[in-house]
Amino acid sequence: MNNGLARIKLIFLAFFIKRKGLKNMENKKSELKNKNGKVIYKIMTKGLLIMAYVVLLNILQASQVFATDDPLAVINNLSTFMFGIIRAIGMIMLGWGIVQVGLALKSHDASQRANGFLTVAGGVIITFAKEILAIITGG
């Protein structure tokens, strides 16, 4: 009896309810699902990025540090590292100076040529700063 009554109700609803109203209701439901899906996607993306960042920080910060008995060895290692960075900056300046001189020779620009030679000279001095300091101090 209930099954037959349910069928009658469905037939009644199918014939007497406007299809346009049903379509709008279905569209609203699908729009709500799409909006909720986008929000959930954004939340999950941000969460994943935060978790990846935390994992990356934990991996990068877990480096081993080997201490030495001699404190002067630590200072010498730091000095070697710093002069290595200075040497790299000097090499970059030297290369840029050579490029400037080449461009100045191509364009026949005297002021650019002078700036290029000054940059080359500065790059050479910065590149060999450790050796120059060793000669000056006698060490």
Protein backbone atom coordinates (compact mmCIF):
# COMPACT_ATOMS: atom_id res chain seq x y z
CA MET A 1 0.00 0.00 0.00
CA ASN A 2 2.79 2.42 0.89
CA ASN A 3 4.62 1.57 -2.32
CA GLY A 4 1.59 2.39 -4.46
CA LEU A 5 1.02 5.62 -2.52
CA ALA A 6 4.61 6.68 -3.07
CA ARG A 7 4.22 6.08 -6.82
CA ILE A 8 1.09 8.21 -6.93
CA LYS A 9 2.90 11.02 -5.10
CA LEU A 10 5.79 10.87 -7.58
CA ILE A 11 3.42 10.98 -10.54
CA PHE A 12 1.58 13.90 -8.98
CA LEU A 13 4.84 15.80 -8.39
CA ALA A 14 6.08 15.06 -11.89
CA PHE A 15 3.00 16.49 -13.59
CA PHE A 16 2.17 19.46 -11.41
CA ILE A 17 5.54 20.94 -10.38
CA LYS A 18 7.15 23.32 -12.80
CA ARG A 19 10.21 21.90 -14.44
CA LYS A 20 11.86 25.29 -14.49
CA GLY A 21 11.69 25.48 -10.70
CA LEU A 22 13.24 22.03 -10.41
CA LYS A 23 16.03 22.95 -12.82
CA ASN A 24 16.82 26.11 -10.85
CA MET A 25 16.90 24.09 -7.64
CA GLU A 26 19.25 21.57 -9.24
CA ASN A 27 21.48 24.37 -10.56
CA LYS A 28 21.63 25.97 -7.11
CA LYS A 29 22.59 22.64 -5.57
CA SER A 30 25.35 22.09 -8.15
CA GLU A 31 26.63 25.69 -7.68
CA LEU A 32 26.74 25.15 -3.92
CA LYS A 33 28.67 21.91 -4.45
CA ASN A 34 31.13 23.69 -6.78
CA LYS A 35 31.67 26.56 -4.31
CA ASN A 36 32.16 24.14 -1.44
CA GLY A 37 34.55 22.11 -3.57
CA LYS A 38 36.61 25.20 -4.41
CA VAL A 39 36.77 26.26 -0.76
CA ILE A 40 37.79 22.77 0.31
CA TYR A 41 40.40 22.68 -2.47
CA LYS A 42 41.88 26.00 -1.31
CA ILE A 43 41.97 24.87 2.31
CA MET A 44 43.62 21.58 1.40
CA THR A 45 46.16 23.32 -0.85
CA LYS A 46 47.14 25.76 1.89
CA GLY A 47 47.34 22.94 4.43
CA LEU A 48 49.53 20.89 2.11
CA LEU A 49 51.86 23.85 1.52
CA ILE A 50 52.16 24.48 5.25
CA MET A 51 52.93 20.82 5.92
CA ALA A 52 55.53 20.72 3.14
CA TYR A 53 57.12 23.89 4.54
CA VAL A 54 57.30 22.40 8.05
CA VAL A 55 58.82 19.16 6.73
CA LEU A 56 61.34 21.11 4.65
CA LEU A 57 62.35 23.22 7.64
CA ASN A 58 62.79 20.12 9.80
CA ILE A 59 64.97 18.47 7.17
CA LEU A 60 67.12 21.54 6.55
CA GLN A 61 67.61 22.34 10.23
CA ALA A 62 68.71 18.83 11.13
CA SER A 63 72.27 19.22 9.90
CA GLN A 64 75.15 17.82 11.88
CA VAL A 65 77.66 20.20 13.35
CA PHE A 66 81.18 19.00 14.06
CA ALA A 67 82.93 21.04 16.70
CA THR A 68 86.71 21.32 16.86
CA ASP A 69 88.94 21.43 19.87
CA ASP A 70 90.90 24.41 18.58
CA PRO A 71 88.95 27.70 18.53
CA LEU A 72 91.45 29.16 16.03
CA ALA A 73 90.51 26.46 13.54
CA VAL A 74 86.92 27.68 13.67
CA ILE A 75 88.03 31.26 13.00
CA ASN A 76 90.27 30.11 10.14
CA ASN A 77 87.41 28.13 8.59
CA LEU A 78 85.13 31.17 8.86
CA SER A 79 87.82 33.37 7.33
CA THR A 80 88.29 30.93 4.44
CA PHE A 81 84.53 30.85 3.87
CA MET A 82 84.19 34.64 3.90
CA PHE A 83 87.13 35.15 1.55
CA GLY A 84 85.60 32.53 -0.76
CA ILE A 85 82.40 34.57 -0.93
CA ILE A 86 84.40 37.76 -1.53
CA ARG A 87 86.35 36.01 -4.29
CA ALA A 88 83.10 34.91 -5.95
CA ILE A 89 81.77 38.49 -5.87
CA GLY A 90 85.06 39.71 -7.35
CA MET A 91 84.83 37.17 -10.17
CA ILE A 92 81.28 38.31 -10.95
CA MET A 93 82.45 41.93 -11.06
CA LEU A 94 85.39 40.96 -13.24
CA GLY A 95 83.09 39.21 -15.71
CA TRP A 96 80.67 42.14 -15.76
CA GLY A 97 83.55 44.55 -16.35
CA ILE A 98 84.73 42.52 -19.33
CA VAL A 99 81.19 42.57 -20.75
CA GLN A 100 81.03 46.36 -20.27
CA VAL A 101 84.36 46.87 -22.05
CA GLY A 102 83.20 44.65 -24.92
CA LEU A 103 79.94 46.57 -25.28
CA ALA A 104 81.79 49.89 -25.08
CA LEU A 105 84.21 48.84 -27.83
CA LYS A 106 81.26 47.83 -30.00
CA SER A 107 79.37 51.10 -29.47
CA HIS A 108 82.47 53.37 -29.45
CA ASP A 109 81.43 54.92 -26.13
CA ALA A 110 84.40 56.32 -24.20
CA SER A 111 82.66 56.81 -20.84
CA GLN A 112 81.25 53.29 -20.90
CA ARG A 113 84.73 51.99 -21.77
CA ALA A 114 86.22 53.83 -18.78
CA ASN A 115 83.53 52.42 -16.48
CA GLY A 116 84.22 48.94 -17.85
CA PHE A 117 87.95 49.21 -17.17
CA LEU A 118 87.25 50.49 -13.65
CA THR A 119 84.90 47.57 -13.02
CA VAL A 120 87.55 45.12 -14.32
CA ALA A 121 90.18 46.68 -12.03
CA GLY A 122 87.80 46.56 -9.05
CA GLY A 123 86.94 42.94 -9.82
CA VAL A 124 90.63 41.97 -9.93
CA ILE A 125 91.30 43.72 -6.62
CA ILE A 126 88.29 42.11 -4.93
CA THR A 127 89.13 38.69 -6.39
CA PHE A 128 92.66 38.76 -5.00
CA ALA A 129 91.78 40.58 -1.74
CA LYS A 130 93.07 37.75 0.47
CA GLU A 131 96.43 37.61 -1.29
CA ILE A 132 96.74 41.43 -1.27
CA LEU A 133 96.03 41.50 2.49
CA ALA A 134 98.59 38.74 3.04
CA ILE A 135 101.24 40.77 1.15
CA ILE A 136 100.42 43.97 3.06
CA THR A 137 100.47 42.33 6.51
CA GLY A 138 103.49 40.18 5.67
CA GLY A 139 101.68 36.96 6.52
